[in-house]
Amino acid sequence: MKFLLLFAVALLGSSTVQADFTLTGRSTLSALNMPKQGRETLYVNDHLMRRDMTENGRSYSYLYDIKKKEIAIVDHFMRQAEVHSLADSGNVAAKAGDLKLKLTPTGRKHSLQNWNCEEHALDASLPAEMGKEKVTVLLAGQVWLERKAKERKEISPFLKTVATEDFFIGAAAAGKALSPQAQGVNEAMRRVLGQGMLCAADIQLNYEGSGPMADLARRMATKASIVYDTVSTETLKDELFAIPPGYKVVRN
């Protein structure tokens, strides 16, 4: 579900005003023709963000701390939290200038409470390497954005931090370079940031190349979608953004 983790951050606008903000919705991730569905809740408070998700009957939370540049991945079944650095561990910055992305309004719209969400066709490509093989990561699909939502002015400065070239939204495994898939999604979402509040996204990820790795990757094409249903600005409690008491904490 790390693929969907990147979409979640794309809803954030920039401001220096502290506010509480909650989005709830649902997500689907399909790989090898095996769809996985889950519920989604996203909470924002100042420099903190929490994403709750349910996958295969198990509950997980992703706790972001932008000031510390850390993310804690909480497994509530195992009562354990893995803490990762959000700093780039795979030379993402070097890839940023190579990304080609088009975001084209289609004219179609849908409502999310008082938001007027506009559909945009997304088409992106990024050169990458899989082992010693050169490939191109391809992203295609739709994103729905609300450009005039008042909430954009009320959310703390996630955008400014996320947009910096040394920041990766995700949790790469310790000591391992980022996958071409993660690099492509990260850079595409970086370009979408700031263009509006994300209402929904439906993205197909594929690979282009002539070698065996690209051919294998094409057989495992991934499709991810996320749709938000409700928006709330109710006050959030501080403990919502903390690792629950008694959980084992592992730092990577």
Protein backbone atom coordinates (compact mmCIF):
# COMPACT_ATOMS: atom_id res chain seq x y z
CA MET A 1 0.00 0.00 0.00
CA LYS A 2 3.01 2.35 -0.12
CA PHE A 3 1.89 3.27 -3.64
CA LEU A 4 -1.32 4.75 -2.17
CA LEU A 5 0.61 6.41 0.62
CA LEU A 6 2.02 8.82 -1.94
CA PHE A 7 -1.44 9.84 -3.17
CA ALA A 8 -2.57 10.68 0.33
CA VAL A 9 -0.03 13.45 0.67
CA ALA A 10 -1.09 15.11 -2.58
CA LEU A 11 -4.16 16.62 -0.93
CA LEU A 12 -2.07 18.94 1.23
CA GLY A 13 -1.90 22.66 0.53
CA SER A 14 0.56 25.17 1.96
CA SER A 15 -0.03 27.68 4.71
CA THR A 16 1.39 28.76 8.05
CA VAL A 17 -1.99 28.65 9.79
CA GLN A 18 -2.54 25.78 12.19
CA ALA A 19 -5.76 23.84 11.67
CA ASP A 20 -7.23 20.39 12.11
CA PHE A 21 -8.39 18.53 9.06
CA THR A 22 -9.78 15.04 8.37
CA LEU A 23 -10.57 13.15 5.16
CA THR A 24 -12.19 9.73 5.03
CA GLY A 25 -12.55 7.44 2.04
CA ARG A 26 -11.57 4.13 0.48
CA SER A 27 -8.69 2.76 -1.56
CA THR A 28 -7.96 -0.09 -3.95
CA LEU A 29 -4.60 -1.49 -5.01
CA SER A 30 -4.50 -4.07 -7.85
CA ALA A 31 -1.40 -6.07 -8.74
CA LEU A 32 -1.20 -9.41 -10.56
CA ASN A 33 -4.98 -9.06 -11.09
CA MET A 34 -5.49 -9.32 -7.33
CA PRO A 35 -7.33 -6.23 -5.99
CA LYS A 36 -6.97 -5.26 -2.33
CA GLN A 37 -9.53 -2.88 -0.90
CA GLY A 38 -9.45 -0.90 2.31
CA ARG A 39 -10.79 2.06 4.21
CA GLU A 40 -8.82 5.29 4.53
CA THR A 41 -8.76 8.12 7.07
CA LEU A 42 -6.33 11.02 6.90
CA TYR A 43 -5.78 13.45 9.79
CA VAL A 44 -3.70 16.65 9.73
CA ASN A 45 -2.68 18.90 12.62
CA ASP A 46 0.04 21.52 12.17
CA HIS A 47 3.25 19.56 11.31
CA LEU A 48 1.68 16.17 12.05
CA MET A 49 -0.27 13.82 9.80
CA ARG A 50 -1.83 10.43 10.44
CA ARG A 51 -3.13 7.99 7.84
CA ASP A 52 -5.24 5.05 9.04
CA MET A 53 -5.93 2.16 6.71
CA THR A 54 -7.41 -1.32 6.84
CA GLU A 55 -5.88 -4.07 4.70
CA ASN A 56 -6.86 -7.76 4.75
CA GLY A 57 -8.67 -7.24 8.04
CA ARG A 58 -5.64 -5.67 9.76
CA SER A 59 -5.33 -2.05 10.86
CA TYR A 60 -2.29 0.12 10.26
CA SER A 61 -1.46 3.76 10.99
CA TYR A 62 1.18 5.95 9.34
CA LEU A 63 2.28 8.76 11.68
CA TYR A 64 4.17 11.61 9.98
CA ASP A 65 6.22 14.20 11.84
CA ILE A 66 7.35 16.80 9.30
CA LYS A 67 9.61 18.66 11.76
CA LYS A 68 11.51 15.48 12.60
CA LYS A 69 11.20 14.17 9.02
CA GLU A 70 10.09 10.81 10.33
CA ILE A 71 7.28 8.35 9.72
CA ALA A 72 6.16 5.66 12.16
CA ILE A 73 4.40 2.68 10.57
CA VAL A 74 2.15 1.23 13.26
CA ASP A 75 0.88 -2.36 13.08
CA HIS A 76 -1.96 -2.49 15.60
CA PHE A 77 -2.24 -6.30 15.46
CA MET A 78 1.45 -6.74 16.29
CA ARG A 79 1.40 -3.72 18.65
CA GLN A 80 4.59 -2.50 17.01
CA ALA A 81 5.79 0.70 15.33
CA GLU A 82 8.67 0.95 12.82
CA VAL A 83 10.18 4.43 12.62
CA HIS A 84 11.78 5.49 9.30
CA SER A 85 13.47 8.65 8.11
CA LEU A 86 11.62 10.60 5.41
CA ALA A 87 14.91 11.84 4.02
CA ASP A 88 15.85 10.58 0.58
CA SER A 89 17.61 7.20 0.71
CA GLY A 90 17.59 6.46 -3.00
CA ASN A 91 18.80 9.57 -4.84
CA VAL A 92 15.29 10.74 -5.71
CA ALA A 93 16.50 14.31 -6.19
CA ALA A 94 18.65 13.28 -9.15
CA LYS A 95 15.56 11.89 -10.86
CA ALA A 96 13.31 14.92 -10.39
CA GLY A 97 14.47 16.83 -13.46
CA ASP A 98 13.97 13.77 -15.69
CA LEU A 99 10.25 13.45 -15.02
CA LYS A 100 7.88 14.37 -17.85
CA LEU A 101 4.32 15.05 -16.71
CA LYS A 102 1.14 16.37 -18.29
CA LEU A 103 -1.92 17.25 -16.23
CA THR A 104 -4.83 18.11 -18.53
CA PRO A 105 -8.33 19.20 -17.40
CA THR A 106 -11.06 17.05 -18.98
CA GLY A 107 -14.01 19.30 -18.13
CA ARG A 108 -15.68 16.63 -15.99
CA LYS A 109 -16.50 17.40 -12.34
CA HIS A 110 -17.93 15.82 -9.23
CA SER A 111 -18.80 17.09 -5.75
CA LEU A 112 -17.28 16.16 -2.41
CA GLN A 113 -19.52 17.90 0.13
CA ASN A 114 -18.85 21.59 -0.59
CA TRP A 115 -15.87 20.87 -2.83
CA ASN A 116 -16.15 21.10 -6.61
CA CYS A 117 -13.65 18.52 -7.85
CA GLU A 118 -12.34 18.80 -11.41
CA GLU A 119 -10.99 15.78 -13.29
CA HIS A 120 -7.51 15.96 -14.84
CA ALA A 121 -5.87 13.38 -17.08
CA LEU A 122 -2.40 12.51 -15.79
CA ASP A 123 0.34 11.26 -18.11
CA ALA A 124 3.88 10.92 -16.76
CA SER A 125 7.13 9.12 -17.53
CA LEU A 126 10.45 8.82 -15.72
CA PRO A 127 13.68 7.08 -16.84
CA ALA A 128 14.87 4.58 -14.24
CA GLU A 129 16.98 1.49 -13.76
CA MET A 130 16.03 -2.02 -12.69
CA GLY A 131 19.25 -3.78 -11.87
CA LYS A 132 21.52 -3.02 -14.85
CA GLU A 133 18.59 -2.51 -17.19
CA LYS A 134 17.28 0.90 -18.27
CA VAL A 135 13.49 1.23 -18.19
CA THR A 136 10.88 3.98 -18.29
CA VAL A 137 8.27 4.17 -15.54
CA LEU A 138 4.89 5.14 -17.01
CA LEU A 139 1.98 6.64 -15.05
CA ALA A 140 -1.42 7.24 -16.62
CA GLY A 141 -4.87 7.91 -15.21
CA GLN A 142 -7.01 10.59 -13.63
CA VAL A 143 -6.81 12.84 -10.59
CA TRP A 144 -9.64 15.01 -9.28
CA LEU A 145 -8.62 18.32 -7.72
CA GLU A 146 -10.45 21.09 -5.86
CA ARG A 147 -8.46 24.25 -6.51
CA LYS A 148 -10.55 26.75 -4.50
CA ALA A 149 -11.23 24.87 -1.26
CA LYS A 150 -10.88 27.12 1.78
CA GLU A 151 -9.12 24.27 3.58
CA ARG A 152 -6.04 24.86 1.42
CA LYS A 153 -5.39 28.03 3.43
CA GLU A 154 -5.83 26.27 6.76
CA ILE A 155 -3.37 23.38 6.46
CA SER A 156 0.13 23.62 7.86
CA PRO A 157 3.26 23.76 5.68
CA PHE A 158 3.39 20.19 4.41
CA LEU A 159 3.66 21.27 0.80
CA LYS A 160 6.77 23.39 1.29
CA THR A 161 8.52 20.56 3.12
CA VAL A 162 7.40 17.77 0.81
CA ALA A 163 8.34 19.76 -2.29
CA THR A 164 12.00 20.02 -1.28
CA GLU A 165 14.24 17.83 -3.39
CA ASP A 166 15.63 15.82 -0.47
CA PHE A 167 12.24 14.68 0.80
CA PHE A 168 10.69 11.33 0.00
CA ILE A 169 7.08 10.57 0.96
CA GLY A 170 7.29 6.91 1.79
CA ALA A 171 9.26 4.48 3.85
CA ALA A 172 12.01 2.82 1.87
CA ALA A 173 13.47 -0.26 3.52
CA ALA A 174 16.59 0.47 5.51
CA GLY A 175 19.72 0.36 3.40
CA LYS A 176 17.87 -0.18 0.15
CA ALA A 177 17.52 2.19 -2.81
CA LEU A 178 14.06 3.29 -3.82
CA SER A 179 12.32 1.20 -6.45
CA PRO A 180 11.65 2.69 -9.91
CA GLN A 181 7.93 2.50 -9.08
CA ALA A 182 8.37 4.52 -5.89
CA GLN A 183 10.57 7.08 -7.66
CA GLY A 184 8.02 7.58 -10.43
CA VAL A 185 5.05 7.99 -8.10
CA ASN A 186 6.97 10.26 -5.75
CA GLU A 187 8.04 12.65 -8.49
CA ALA A 188 4.63 12.69 -10.18
CA MET A 189 2.91 13.53 -6.91
CA ARG A 190 5.51 16.21 -6.26
CA ARG A 191 4.31 17.97 -9.44
CA VAL A 192 0.64 17.58 -8.49
CA LEU A 193 1.25 19.14 -5.07
CA GLY A 194 0.01 22.67 -4.77
CA GLN A 195 -2.38 22.44 -7.71
CA GLY A 196 -5.37 21.64 -5.52
CA MET A 197 -6.86 19.45 -2.83
CA LEU A 198 -7.01 15.83 -3.93
CA CYS A 199 -10.54 14.41 -4.04
CA ALA A 200 -9.68 11.16 -5.82
CA ALA A 201 -7.05 9.47 -7.98
CA ASP A 202 -7.05 6.47 -10.29
CA ILE A 203 -3.58 5.67 -11.62
CA GLN A 204 -2.15 2.83 -13.73
CA LEU A 205 1.60 2.21 -13.41
CA ASN A 206 3.53 0.35 -16.10
CA TYR A 207 7.03 -0.01 -17.55
CA GLU A 208 8.59 0.49 -20.97
CA GLY A 209 11.80 -1.22 -22.04
CA SER A 210 13.21 -4.02 -24.18
CA GLY A 211 14.93 -6.14 -21.55
CA PRO A 212 13.71 -9.07 -19.42
CA MET A 213 13.21 -6.93 -16.28
CA ALA A 214 10.90 -4.51 -18.11
CA ASP A 215 9.00 -7.45 -19.59
CA LEU A 216 8.57 -8.99 -16.13
CA ALA A 217 7.49 -5.62 -14.69
CA ARG A 218 4.85 -5.21 -17.40
CA ARG A 219 3.32 -8.52 -16.32
CA MET A 220 2.97 -7.08 -12.82
CA ALA A 221 1.43 -3.71 -13.76
CA THR A 222 -0.08 -1.94 -10.78
CA LYS A 223 -3.28 0.08 -10.53
CA ALA A 224 -4.07 2.22 -7.50
CA SER A 225 -7.07 4.34 -6.66
CA ILE A 226 -8.21 6.42 -3.72
CA VAL A 227 -11.56 8.18 -3.29
CA TYR A 228 -12.44 10.48 -0.40
CA ASP A 229 -16.06 10.61 0.82
CA THR A 230 -16.15 13.13 3.68
CA VAL A 231 -14.29 16.24 4.85
CA SER A 232 -14.15 17.46 8.47
CA THR A 233 -12.44 20.32 10.35
CA GLU A 234 -13.24 19.07 13.85
CA THR A 235 -10.55 19.50 16.53
CA LEU A 236 -8.17 16.52 16.81
CA LYS A 237 -6.56 15.26 20.03
CA ASP A 238 -2.75 15.25 20.35
CA GLU A 239 -2.61 11.55 21.25
CA LEU A 240 -4.04 10.70 17.84
CA PHE A 241 -0.59 11.48 16.34
CA ALA A 242 1.46 9.52 18.89
CA ILE A 243 2.52 5.87 18.96
CA PRO A 244 0.10 4.10 21.33
CA PRO A 245 1.48 3.39 24.84
CA GLY A 246 2.91 -0.10 25.27
CA TYR A 247 3.76 -0.62 21.58
CA LYS A 248 7.25 -1.89 20.70
CA VAL A 249 9.22 0.77 18.77
CA VAL A 250 11.82 -0.27 16.15
CA ARG A 251 14.01 2.36 14.48
CA ASN A 252 15.33 1.73 10.95
